[in-house]
Structure formats: structure tokens, C-alpha cells
Amino acid sequence: MMQILQQKGFVEPLKAYLRSDRPFLGIAWGSRPCLKGARRRPRQGAGLLPARSRGSPSAFPVPHMGWNGLNIKQPSVIFNGLRGDEKFYFVHSYHVSGG
């Protein structure tokens, strides 16, 4: 993914957008360019967030599929209008962790 973003000249505009303090919602592959890298490709990423994509711990079923709520840690325009009891459907095998 990073190779394609670089070939198309999208990495620098993405970095500029993320540094502009505007909202950004990156889900699954959408979050990967922002990270330092991933478990399988440790140096592939723009490094805008000090975290990496990793496989989910074996204590959890993989892939994780199902309806879950959100635990919002800070206000964001992305979450405006949510009451807190909404459920969203998730399908994923990876999570983001520091370092």
C-alpha cells in the first residue's frame, strides 16, 4: 500500500492533512499508512503515529467478527450525535499497539 501511495504522490499530501489538525478516520487499511509499520513490514508506514499494526492476541478469536460498542476516549466530530449505546459491526484480525 505504501508503495502505491508513494508512486501516486499521495504520501506527502496525507502527512500534510494529518498534521493540519483536521479529523481523519482510518479504519483497517486506512490506518496503516499513518503507523510506523506493521508486524510483517516493520518499516512500511509514514510514521505519523507511534504505533504498529499487529495480529490480535491469541486470547481473542481471529478474525474477530461481531457487533460491539465503542469506548470513545476523547471528543471528535466523527462521533458527534452518538448516544453511546450504538453497536457497530466489526470484522478484523489486527489491532494497533504502541511502538
PDB file of N, CA and C in Angstrom:
ATOM      1  N   MET A   1       0.808  -1.180   0.000  1.00  0.00           N
ATOM      2  CA  MET A   1       0.000   0.000   0.000  1.00  0.00           C
ATOM      3  C   MET A   1       0.860   1.256   0.000  1.00  0.00           C
ATOM      4  N   MET A   2       1.893   1.302   0.841  1.00  0.00           N
ATOM      5  CA  MET A   2       2.753   2.485   0.893  1.00  0.00           C
ATOM      6  C   MET A   2       3.439   2.713  -0.451  1.00  0.00           C
ATOM      7  N   GLN A   3       3.824   1.645  -1.116  1.00  0.00           N
ATOM      8  CA  GLN A   3       4.473   1.784  -2.429  1.00  0.00           C
ATOM      9  C   GLN A   3       3.527   2.463  -3.421  1.00  0.00           C
ATOM     10  N   ILE A   4       2.283   2.067  -3.423  1.00  0.00           N
ATOM     11  CA  ILE A   4       1.299   2.669  -4.332  1.00  0.00           C
ATOM     12  C   ILE A   4       1.064   4.132  -3.963  1.00  0.00           C
ATOM     13  N   LEU A   5       0.931   4.422  -2.674  1.00  0.00           N
ATOM     14  CA  LEU A   5       0.747   5.809  -2.244  1.00  0.00           C
ATOM     15  C   LEU A   5       1.935   6.670  -2.665  1.00  0.00           C
ATOM     16  N   GLN A   6       3.147   6.132  -2.541  1.00  0.00           N
ATOM     17  CA  GLN A   6       4.343   6.865  -2.944  1.00  0.00           C
ATOM     18  C   GLN A   6       4.373   7.073  -4.459  1.00  0.00           C
ATOM     19  N   GLN A   7       4.066   6.032  -5.223  1.00  0.00           N
ATOM     20  CA  GLN A   7       4.077   6.143  -6.684  1.00  0.00           C
ATOM     21  C   GLN A   7       3.092   7.198  -7.169  1.00  0.00           C
ATOM     22  N   LYS A   8       1.957   7.313  -6.510  1.00  0.00           N
ATOM     23  CA  LYS A   8       0.924   8.263  -6.930  1.00  0.00           C
ATOM     24  C   LYS A   8       1.108   9.652  -6.316  1.00  0.00           C
ATOM     25  N   GLY A   9       2.141   9.809  -5.486  1.00  0.00           N
ATOM     26  CA  GLY A   9       2.412  11.107  -4.882  1.00  0.00           C
ATOM     27  C   GLY A   9       1.459  11.493  -3.765  1.00  0.00           C
ATOM     28  N   PHE A  10       0.887  10.498  -3.073  1.00  0.00           N
ATOM     29  CA  PHE A  10      -0.100  10.770  -2.039  1.00  0.00           C
ATOM     30  C   PHE A  10       0.473  10.821  -0.622  1.00  0.00           C
ATOM     31  N   VAL A  11       1.709  10.390  -0.406  1.00  0.00           N
ATOM     32  CA  VAL A  11       2.241  10.316   0.961  1.00  0.00           C
ATOM     33  C   VAL A  11       2.390  11.702   1.575  1.00  0.00           C
ATOM     34  N   GLU A  12       3.012  12.624   0.874  1.00  0.00           N
ATOM     35  CA  GLU A  12       3.209  13.965   1.435  1.00  0.00           C
ATOM     36  C   GLU A  12       1.878  14.698   1.658  1.00  0.00           C
ATOM     37  N   PRO A  13       0.915  14.650   0.704  1.00  0.00           N
ATOM     38  CA  PRO A  13      -0.385  15.272   0.994  1.00  0.00           C
ATOM     39  C   PRO A  13      -1.092  14.633   2.199  1.00  0.00           C
ATOM     40  N   LEU A  14      -0.959  13.321   2.362  1.00  0.00           N
ATOM     41  CA  LEU A  14      -1.556  12.656   3.520  1.00  0.00           C
ATOM     42  C   LEU A  14      -0.920  13.161   4.806  1.00  0.00           C
ATOM     43  N   LYS A  15       0.405  13.246   4.832  1.00  0.00           N
ATOM     44  CA  LYS A  15       1.103  13.762   6.010  1.00  0.00           C
ATOM     45  C   LYS A  15       0.663  15.190   6.318  1.00  0.00           C
ATOM     46  N   ALA A  16       0.570  16.014   5.292  1.00  0.00           N
ATOM     47  CA  ALA A  16       0.163  17.410   5.493  1.00  0.00           C
ATOM     48  C   ALA A  16      -1.252  17.476   6.062  1.00  0.00           C
ATOM     49  N   TYR A  17      -2.146  16.657   5.537  1.00  0.00           N
ATOM     50  CA  TYR A  17      -3.525  16.650   6.036  1.00  0.00           C
ATOM     51  C   TYR A  17      -3.563  16.238   7.509  1.00  0.00           C
ATOM     52  N   LEU A  18      -2.855  15.185   7.853  1.00  0.00           N
ATOM     53  CA  LEU A  18      -2.892  14.689   9.231  1.00  0.00           C
ATOM     54  C   LEU A  18      -2.255  15.666  10.209  1.00  0.00           C
ATOM     55  N   ARG A  19      -1.298  16.433   9.753  1.00  0.00           N
ATOM     56  CA  ARG A  19      -0.669  17.434  10.625  1.00  0.00           C
ATOM     57  C   ARG A  19      -1.510  18.703  10.747  1.00  0.00           C
ATOM     58  N   SER A  20      -2.556  18.824   9.945  1.00  0.00           N
ATOM     59  CA  SER A  20      -3.364  20.049   9.916  1.00  0.00           C
ATOM     60  C   SER A  20      -4.422  20.084  11.015  1.00  0.00           C
ATOM     61  N   ASP A  21      -4.466  19.079  11.855  1.00  0.00           N
ATOM     62  CA  ASP A  21      -5.418  19.013  12.969  1.00  0.00           C
ATOM     63  C   ASP A  21      -6.867  18.969  12.490  1.00  0.00           C
ATOM     64  N   ARG A  22      -7.091  18.293  11.363  1.00  0.00           N
ATOM     65  CA  ARG A  22      -8.449  18.064  10.873  1.00  0.00           C
ATOM     66  C   ARG A  22      -8.806  16.610  11.143  1.00  0.00           C
ATOM     67  N   PRO A  23     -10.091  16.284  11.210  1.00  0.00           N
ATOM     68  CA  PRO A  23     -10.486  14.900  11.507  1.00  0.00           C
ATOM     69  C   PRO A  23     -10.052  13.924  10.426  1.00  0.00           C
ATOM     70  N   PHE A  24      -9.683  12.734  10.839  1.00  0.00           N
ATOM     71  CA  PHE A  24      -9.312  11.661   9.924  1.00  0.00           C
ATOM     72  C   PHE A  24      -9.774  10.356  10.552  1.00  0.00           C
ATOM     73  N   LEU A  25     -10.486   9.557   9.795  1.00  0.00           N
ATOM     74  CA  LEU A  25     -10.920   8.254  10.267  1.00  0.00           C
ATOM     75  C   LEU A  25     -10.290   7.209   9.358  1.00  0.00           C
ATOM     76  N   GLY A  26      -9.324   6.501   9.872  1.00  0.00           N
ATOM     77  CA  GLY A  26      -8.652   5.455   9.104  1.00  0.00           C
ATOM     78  C   GLY A  26      -8.975   4.113   9.708  1.00  0.00           C
ATOM     79  N   ILE A  27      -9.770   3.325   9.011  1.00  0.00           N
ATOM     80  CA  ILE A  27     -10.169   2.021   9.504  1.00  0.00           C
ATOM     81  C   ILE A  27      -9.468   0.960   8.666  1.00  0.00           C
ATOM     82  N   ALA A  28      -8.953  -0.068   9.334  1.00  0.00           N
ATOM     83  CA  ALA A  28      -8.270  -1.185   8.675  1.00  0.00           C
ATOM     84  C   ALA A  28      -7.127  -0.639   7.822  1.00  0.00           C
ATOM     85  N   TRP A  29      -7.167  -0.858   6.525  1.00  0.00           N
ATOM     86  CA  TRP A  29      -6.077  -0.390   5.657  1.00  0.00           C
ATOM     87  C   TRP A  29      -5.934   1.118   5.691  1.00  0.00           C
ATOM     88  N   GLY A  30      -6.998   1.828   6.000  1.00  0.00           N
ATOM     89  CA  GLY A  30      -6.936   3.283   6.064  1.00  0.00           C
ATOM     90  C   GLY A  30      -6.058   3.803   7.187  1.00  0.00           C
ATOM     91  N   SER A  31      -5.816   2.997   8.204  1.00  0.00           N
ATOM     92  CA  SER A  31      -4.952   3.429   9.305  1.00  0.00           C
ATOM     93  C   SER A  31      -3.486   3.076   9.062  1.00  0.00           C
ATOM     94  N   ARG A  32      -3.237   2.098   8.221  1.00  0.00           N
ATOM     95  CA  ARG A  32      -1.872   1.586   8.052  1.00  0.00           C
ATOM     96  C   ARG A  32      -0.851   2.633   7.605  1.00  0.00           C
ATOM     97  N   PRO A  33      -1.154   3.509   6.656  1.00  0.00           N
ATOM     98  CA  PRO A  33      -0.128   4.478   6.255  1.00  0.00           C
ATOM     99  C   PRO A  33       0.264   5.434   7.376  1.00  0.00           C
ATOM    100  N   CYS A  34      -0.573   5.612   8.367  1.00  0.00           N
ATOM    101  CA  CYS A  34      -0.300   6.547   9.455  1.00  0.00           C
ATOM    102  C   CYS A  34       0.658   5.970  10.484  1.00  0.00           C
ATOM    103  N   LEU A  35       0.791   4.670  10.534  1.00  0.00           N
ATOM    104  CA  LEU A  35       1.581   3.994  11.563  1.00  0.00           C
ATOM    105  C   LEU A  35       3.052   3.907  11.178  1.00  0.00           C
ATOM    106  N   LYS A  36       3.880   3.494  12.136  1.00  0.00           N
ATOM    107  CA  LYS A  36       5.293   3.238  11.854  1.00  0.00           C
ATOM    108  C   LYS A  36       5.446   2.080  10.872  1.00  0.00           C
ATOM    109  N   GLY A  37       4.583   1.111  10.985  1.00  0.00           N
ATOM    110  CA  GLY A  37       4.676  -0.074  10.140  1.00  0.00           C
ATOM    111  C   GLY A  37       3.748  -1.154  10.656  1.00  0.00           C
ATOM    112  N   ALA A  38       4.028  -2.369  10.227  1.00  0.00           N
ATOM    113  CA  ALA A  38       3.196  -3.499  10.607  1.00  0.00           C
ATOM    114  C   ALA A  38       4.095  -4.657  11.030  1.00  0.00           C
ATOM    115  N   ARG A  39       3.488  -5.649  11.626  1.00  0.00           N
ATOM    116  CA  ARG A  39       4.255  -6.804  12.085  1.00  0.00           C
ATOM    117  C   ARG A  39       5.057  -7.416  10.949  1.00  0.00           C
ATOM    118  N   ARG A  40       4.443  -7.590   9.792  1.00  0.00           N
ATOM    119  CA  ARG A  40       5.130  -8.230   8.666  1.00  0.00           C
ATOM    120  C   ARG A  40       6.011  -7.271   7.870  1.00  0.00           C
ATOM    121  N   ARG A  41       5.739  -5.979   7.959  1.00  0.00           N
ATOM    122  CA  ARG A  41       6.518  -4.973   7.245  1.00  0.00           C
ATOM    123  C   ARG A  41       6.828  -3.839   8.235  1.00  0.00           C
ATOM    124  N   PRO A  42       7.831  -4.049   9.097  1.00  0.00           N
ATOM    125  CA  PRO A  42       8.070  -3.136  10.211  1.00  0.00           C
ATOM    126  C   PRO A  42       8.396  -1.696   9.822  1.00  0.00           C
ATOM    127  N   ARG A  43       8.944  -1.467   8.644  1.00  0.00           N
ATOM    128  CA  ARG A  43       9.323  -0.104   8.287  1.00  0.00           C
ATOM    129  C   ARG A  43       8.403   0.510   7.236  1.00  0.00           C
ATOM    130  N   GLN A  44       7.320  -0.131   6.914  1.00  0.00           N
ATOM    131  CA  GLN A  44       6.407   0.425   5.923  1.00  0.00           C
ATOM    132  C   GLN A  44       5.320   1.210   6.606  1.00  0.00           C
ATOM    133  N   GLY A  45       5.371   2.486   6.461  1.00  0.00           N
ATOM    134  CA  GLY A  45       4.395   3.381   7.045  1.00  0.00           C
ATOM    135  C   GLY A  45       4.969   4.775   7.074  1.00  0.00           C
ATOM    136  N   ALA A  46       4.124   5.758   7.156  1.00  0.00           N
ATOM    137  CA  ALA A  46       4.569   7.148   7.177  1.00  0.00           C
ATOM    138  C   ALA A  46       5.068   7.549   8.561  1.00  0.00           C
ATOM    139  N   GLY A  47       4.764   6.749   9.573  1.00  0.00           N
ATOM    140  CA  GLY A  47       5.264   7.008  10.912  1.00  0.00           C
ATOM    141  C   GLY A  47       4.637   8.202  11.607  1.00  0.00           C
ATOM    142  N   LEU A  48       3.431   8.571  11.208  1.00  0.00           N
ATOM    143  CA  LEU A  48       2.781   9.729  11.821  1.00  0.00           C
ATOM    144  C   LEU A  48       2.235   9.420  13.209  1.00  0.00           C
ATOM    145  N   LEU A  49       1.953   8.162  13.467  1.00  0.00           N
ATOM    146  CA  LEU A  49       1.513   7.736  14.793  1.00  0.00           C
ATOM    147  C   LEU A  49       2.536   6.748  15.333  1.00  0.00           C
ATOM    148  N   PRO A  50       2.921   6.865  16.600  1.00  0.00           N
ATOM    149  CA  PRO A  50       3.953   5.986  17.156  1.00  0.00           C
ATOM    150  C   PRO A  50       3.390   4.607  17.518  1.00  0.00           C
ATOM    151  N   ALA A  51       2.892   3.905  16.518  1.00  0.00           N
ATOM    152  CA  ALA A  51       2.272   2.604  16.756  1.00  0.00           C
ATOM    153  C   ALA A  51       2.470   1.716  15.534  1.00  0.00           C
ATOM    154  N   ARG A  52       2.186   0.431  15.711  1.00  0.00           N
ATOM    155  CA  ARG A  52       2.294  -0.551  14.627  1.00  0.00           C
ATOM    156  C   ARG A  52       1.036  -1.406  14.584  1.00  0.00           C
ATOM    157  N   SER A  53       0.772  -1.958  13.415  1.00  0.00           N
ATOM    158  CA  SER A  53      -0.322  -2.912  13.252  1.00  0.00           C
ATOM    159  C   SER A  53       0.206  -4.292  13.617  1.00  0.00           C
ATOM    160  N   ARG A  54      -0.528  -4.992  14.453  1.00  0.00           N
ATOM    161  CA  ARG A  54      -0.105  -6.333  14.896  1.00  0.00           C
ATOM    162  C   ARG A  54      -1.292  -7.287  14.837  1.00  0.00           C
ATOM    163  N   GLY A  55      -0.982  -8.568  14.775  1.00  0.00           N
ATOM    164  CA  GLY A  55      -2.036  -9.569  14.849  1.00  0.00           C
ATOM    165  C   GLY A  55      -2.677  -9.547  16.228  1.00  0.00           C
ATOM    166  N   SER A  56      -3.940  -9.861  16.281  1.00  0.00           N
ATOM    167  CA  SER A  56      -4.631  -9.859  17.568  1.00  0.00           C
ATOM    168  C   SER A  56      -4.063 -10.932  18.486  1.00  0.00           C
ATOM    169  N   PRO A  57      -4.014 -10.655  19.786  1.00  0.00           N
ATOM    170  CA  PRO A  57      -3.510 -11.661  20.728  1.00  0.00           C
ATOM    171  C   PRO A  57      -4.319 -12.953  20.623  1.00  0.00           C
ATOM    172  N   SER A  58      -3.663 -14.059  20.834  1.00  0.00           N
ATOM    173  CA  SER A  58      -4.317 -15.363  20.665  1.00  0.00           C
ATOM    174  C   SER A  58      -5.463 -15.580  21.652  1.00  0.00           C
ATOM    175  N   ALA A  59      -5.572 -14.754  22.680  1.00  0.00           N
ATOM    176  CA  ALA A  59      -6.673 -14.896  23.633  1.00  0.00           C
ATOM    177  C   ALA A  59      -8.016 -14.524  23.007  1.00  0.00           C
ATOM    178  N   PHE A  60      -7.961 -13.838  21.875  1.00  0.00           N
ATOM    179  CA  PHE A  60      -9.175 -13.424  21.189  1.00  0.00           C
ATOM    180  C   PHE A  60      -9.383 -14.270  19.945  1.00  0.00           C
ATOM    181  N   PRO A  61     -10.636 -14.571  19.600  1.00  0.00           N
ATOM    182  CA  PRO A  61     -10.884 -15.304  18.361  1.00  0.00           C
ATOM    183  C   PRO A  61     -10.474 -14.460  17.153  1.00  0.00           C
ATOM    184  N   VAL A  62      -9.820 -15.076  16.187  1.00  0.00           N
ATOM    185  CA  VAL A  62      -9.367 -14.378  14.986  1.00  0.00           C
ATOM    186  C   VAL A  62      -9.943 -15.079  13.783  1.00  0.00           C
ATOM    187  N   PRO A  63     -10.560 -14.408  12.835  1.00  0.00           N
ATOM    188  CA  PRO A  63     -10.812 -12.980  12.915  1.00  0.00           C
ATOM    189  C   PRO A  63     -11.918 -12.680  13.901  1.00  0.00           C
ATOM    190  N   HIS A  64     -11.838 -11.481  14.467  1.00  0.00           N
ATOM    191  CA  HIS A  64     -12.891 -11.016  15.362  1.00  0.00           C
ATOM    192  C   HIS A  64     -14.038 -10.526  14.498  1.00  0.00           C
ATOM    193  N   MET A  65     -15.208 -11.050  14.714  1.00  0.00           N
ATOM    194  CA  MET A  65     -16.381 -10.653  13.944  1.00  0.00           C
ATOM    195  C   MET A  65     -17.542 -10.489  14.910  1.00  0.00           C
ATOM    196  N   GLY A  66     -18.253  -9.398  14.784  1.00  0.00           N
ATOM    197  CA  GLY A  66     -19.435  -9.242  15.606  1.00  0.00           C
ATOM    198  C   GLY A  66     -19.778  -7.801  15.886  1.00  0.00           C
ATOM    199  N   TRP A  67     -20.892  -7.649  16.579  1.00  0.00           N
ATOM    200  CA  TRP A  67     -21.392  -6.335  16.948  1.00  0.00           C
ATOM    201  C   TRP A  67     -20.788  -5.914  18.272  1.00  0.00           C
ATOM    202  N   ASN A  68     -20.240  -4.706  18.317  1.00  0.00           N
ATOM    203  CA  ASN A  68     -19.643  -4.173  19.541  1.00  0.00           C
ATOM    204  C   ASN A  68     -19.933  -2.687  19.650  1.00  0.00           C
ATOM    205  N   GLY A  69     -19.841  -2.194  20.867  1.00  0.00           N
ATOM    206  CA  GLY A  69     -19.952  -0.759  21.091  1.00  0.00           C
ATOM    207  C   GLY A  69     -18.586  -0.107  20.977  1.00  0.00           C
ATOM    208  N   LEU A  70     -18.575   1.197  21.070  1.00  0.00           N
ATOM    209  CA  LEU A  70     -17.334   1.961  21.050  1.00  0.00           C
ATOM    210  C   LEU A  70     -17.048   2.487  22.447  1.00  0.00           C
ATOM    211  N   ASN A  71     -15.788   2.596  22.772  1.00  0.00           N
ATOM    212  CA  ASN A  71     -15.353   3.210  24.016  1.00  0.00           C
ATOM    213  C   ASN A  71     -14.585   4.466  23.620  1.00  0.00           C
ATOM    214  N   ILE A  72     -15.292   5.567  23.473  1.00  0.00           N
ATOM    215  CA  ILE A  72     -14.715   6.808  22.968  1.00  0.00           C
ATOM    216  C   ILE A  72     -13.875   7.452  24.060  1.00  0.00           C
ATOM    217  N   LYS A  73     -12.609   7.705  23.754  1.00  0.00           N
ATOM    218  CA  LYS A  73     -11.669   8.235  24.738  1.00  0.00           C
ATOM    219  C   LYS A  73     -11.587   9.758  24.743  1.00  0.00           C
ATOM    220  N   GLN A  74     -11.907  10.395  23.615  1.00  0.00           N
ATOM    221  CA  GLN A  74     -11.896  11.851  23.571  1.00  0.00           C
ATOM    222  C   GLN A  74     -12.904  12.323  22.533  1.00  0.00           C
ATOM    223  N   PRO A  75     -13.466  13.509  22.716  1.00  0.00           N
ATOM    224  CA  PRO A  75     -14.467  14.006  21.775  1.00  0.00           C
ATOM    225  C   PRO A  75     -13.881  14.181  20.377  1.00  0.00           C
ATOM    226  N   SER A  76     -14.713  13.977  19.380  1.00  0.00           N
ATOM    227  CA  SER A  76     -14.316  14.165  17.994  1.00  0.00           C
ATOM    228  C   SER A  76     -15.568  14.429  17.169  1.00  0.00           C
ATOM    229  N   VAL A  77     -15.438  15.238  16.125  1.00  0.00           N
ATOM    230  CA  VAL A  77     -16.588  15.495  15.256  1.00  0.00           C
ATOM    231  C   VAL A  77     -17.073  14.212  14.601  1.00  0.00           C
ATOM    232  N   ILE A  78     -16.210  13.224  14.481  1.00  0.00           N
ATOM    233  CA  ILE A  78     -16.588  11.941  13.884  1.00  0.00           C
ATOM    234  C   ILE A  78     -17.688  11.275  14.709  1.00  0.00           C
ATOM    235  N   PHE A  79     -17.658  11.493  16.020  1.00  0.00           N
ATOM    236  CA  PHE A  79     -18.609  10.838  16.912  1.00  0.00           C
ATOM    237  C   PHE A  79     -19.773  11.737  17.320  1.00  0.00           C
ATOM    238  N   ASN A  80     -19.848  12.951  16.779  1.00  0.00           N
ATOM    239  CA  ASN A  80     -20.965  13.849  17.119  1.00  0.00           C
ATOM    240  C   ASN A  80     -22.293  13.164  16.836  1.00  0.00           C
ATOM    241  N   GLY A  81     -23.199  13.292  17.770  1.00  0.00           N
ATOM    242  CA  GLY A  81     -24.537  12.736  17.594  1.00  0.00           C
ATOM    243  C   GLY A  81     -24.697  11.313  18.100  1.00  0.00           C
ATOM    244  N   LEU A  82     -23.605  10.663  18.484  1.00  0.00           N
ATOM    245  CA  LEU A  82     -23.723   9.312  19.032  1.00  0.00           C
ATOM    246  C   LEU A  82     -24.165   9.403  20.490  1.00  0.00           C
ATOM    247  N   ARG A  83     -25.051   8.497  20.893  1.00  0.00           N
ATOM    248  CA  ARG A  83     -25.572   8.480  22.259  1.00  0.00           C
ATOM    249  C   ARG A  83     -24.685   7.659  23.196  1.00  0.00           C
ATOM    250  N   GLY A  84     -23.930   6.718  22.641  1.00  0.00           N
ATOM    251  CA  GLY A  84     -23.084   5.866  23.470  1.00  0.00           C
ATOM    252  C   GLY A  84     -23.565   4.442  23.567  1.00  0.00           C
ATOM    253  N   ASP A  85     -24.776   4.168  23.088  1.00  0.00           N
ATOM    254  CA  ASP A  85     -25.291   2.796  23.150  1.00  0.00           C
ATOM    255  C   ASP A  85     -25.364   2.144  21.762  1.00  0.00           C
ATOM    256  N   GLU A  86     -24.809   2.804  20.747  1.00  0.00           N
ATOM    257  CA  GLU A  86     -24.831   2.250  19.387  1.00  0.00           C
ATOM    258  C   GLU A  86     -23.922   1.026  19.281  1.00  0.00           C
ATOM    259  N   LYS A  87     -24.273   0.150  18.389  1.00  0.00           N
ATOM    260  CA  LYS A  87     -23.447  -1.026  18.098  1.00  0.00           C
ATOM    261  C   LYS A  87     -22.974  -0.933  16.653  1.00  0.00           C
ATOM    262  N   PHE A  88     -21.729  -1.348  16.417  1.00  0.00           N
ATOM    263  CA  PHE A  88     -21.121  -1.350  15.089  1.00  0.00           C
ATOM    264  C   PHE A  88     -20.615  -2.753  14.804  1.00  0.00           C
ATOM    265  N   TYR A  89     -20.660  -3.143  13.537  1.00  0.00           N
ATOM    266  CA  TYR A  89     -20.210  -4.480  13.149  1.00  0.00           C
ATOM    267  C   TYR A  89     -18.736  -4.421  12.773  1.00  0.00           C
ATOM    268  N   PHE A  90     -17.942  -5.293  13.385  1.00  0.00           N
ATOM    269  CA  PHE A  90     -16.506  -5.336  13.155  1.00  0.00           C
ATOM    270  C   PHE A  90     -16.107  -6.671  12.547  1.00  0.00           C
ATOM    271  N   VAL A  91     -15.170  -6.614  11.619  1.00  0.00           N
ATOM    272  CA  VAL A  91     -14.524  -7.818  11.079  1.00  0.00           C
ATOM    273  C   VAL A  91     -13.045  -7.465  10.959  1.00  0.00           C
ATOM    274  N   HIS A  92     -12.224  -8.047  11.812  1.00  0.00           N
ATOM    275  CA  HIS A  92     -10.790  -7.725  11.733  1.00  0.00           C
ATOM    276  C   HIS A  92      -9.947  -8.804  12.410  1.00  0.00           C
ATOM    277  N   SER A  93      -8.682  -8.803  12.061  1.00  0.00           N
ATOM    278  CA  SER A  93      -7.721  -9.747  12.645  1.00  0.00           C
ATOM    279  C   SER A  93      -6.521  -9.034  13.251  1.00  0.00           C
ATOM    280  N   TYR A  94      -6.483  -7.739  13.160  1.00  0.00           N
ATOM    281  CA  TYR A  94      -5.324  -6.980  13.605  1.00  0.00           C
ATOM    282  C   TYR A  94      -5.751  -5.881  14.563  1.00  0.00           C
ATOM    283  N   HIS A  95      -4.797  -5.367  15.312  1.00  0.00           N
ATOM    284  CA  HIS A  95      -5.040  -4.221  16.169  1.00  0.00           C
ATOM    285  C   HIS A  95      -3.805  -3.319  16.120  1.00  0.00           C
ATOM    286  N   VAL A  96      -3.960  -2.122  16.604  1.00  0.00           N
ATOM    287  CA  VAL A  96      -2.867  -1.166  16.636  1.00  0.00           C
ATOM    288  C   VAL A  96      -2.333  -1.113  18.055  1.00  0.00           C
ATOM    289  N   SER A  97      -1.005  -1.184  18.180  1.00  0.00           N
ATOM    290  CA  SER A  97      -0.392  -1.083  19.500  1.00  0.00           C
ATOM    291  C   SER A  97       0.829  -0.172  19.427  1.00  0.00           C
ATOM    292  N   GLY A  98       1.195   0.412  20.568  1.00  0.00           N
ATOM    293  CA  GLY A  98       2.309   1.330  20.628  1.00  0.00           C
ATOM    294  C   GLY A  98       3.631   0.678  20.247  1.00  0.00           C
ATOM    295  N   GLY A  99       4.546   1.509  19.785  1.00  0.00           N
ATOM    296  CA  GLY A  99       5.901   1.080  19.469  1.00  0.00           C
ATOM    297  C   GLY A  99       5.981   0.313  18.258  1.00  0.00           C
TER     298      GLY A  99
END
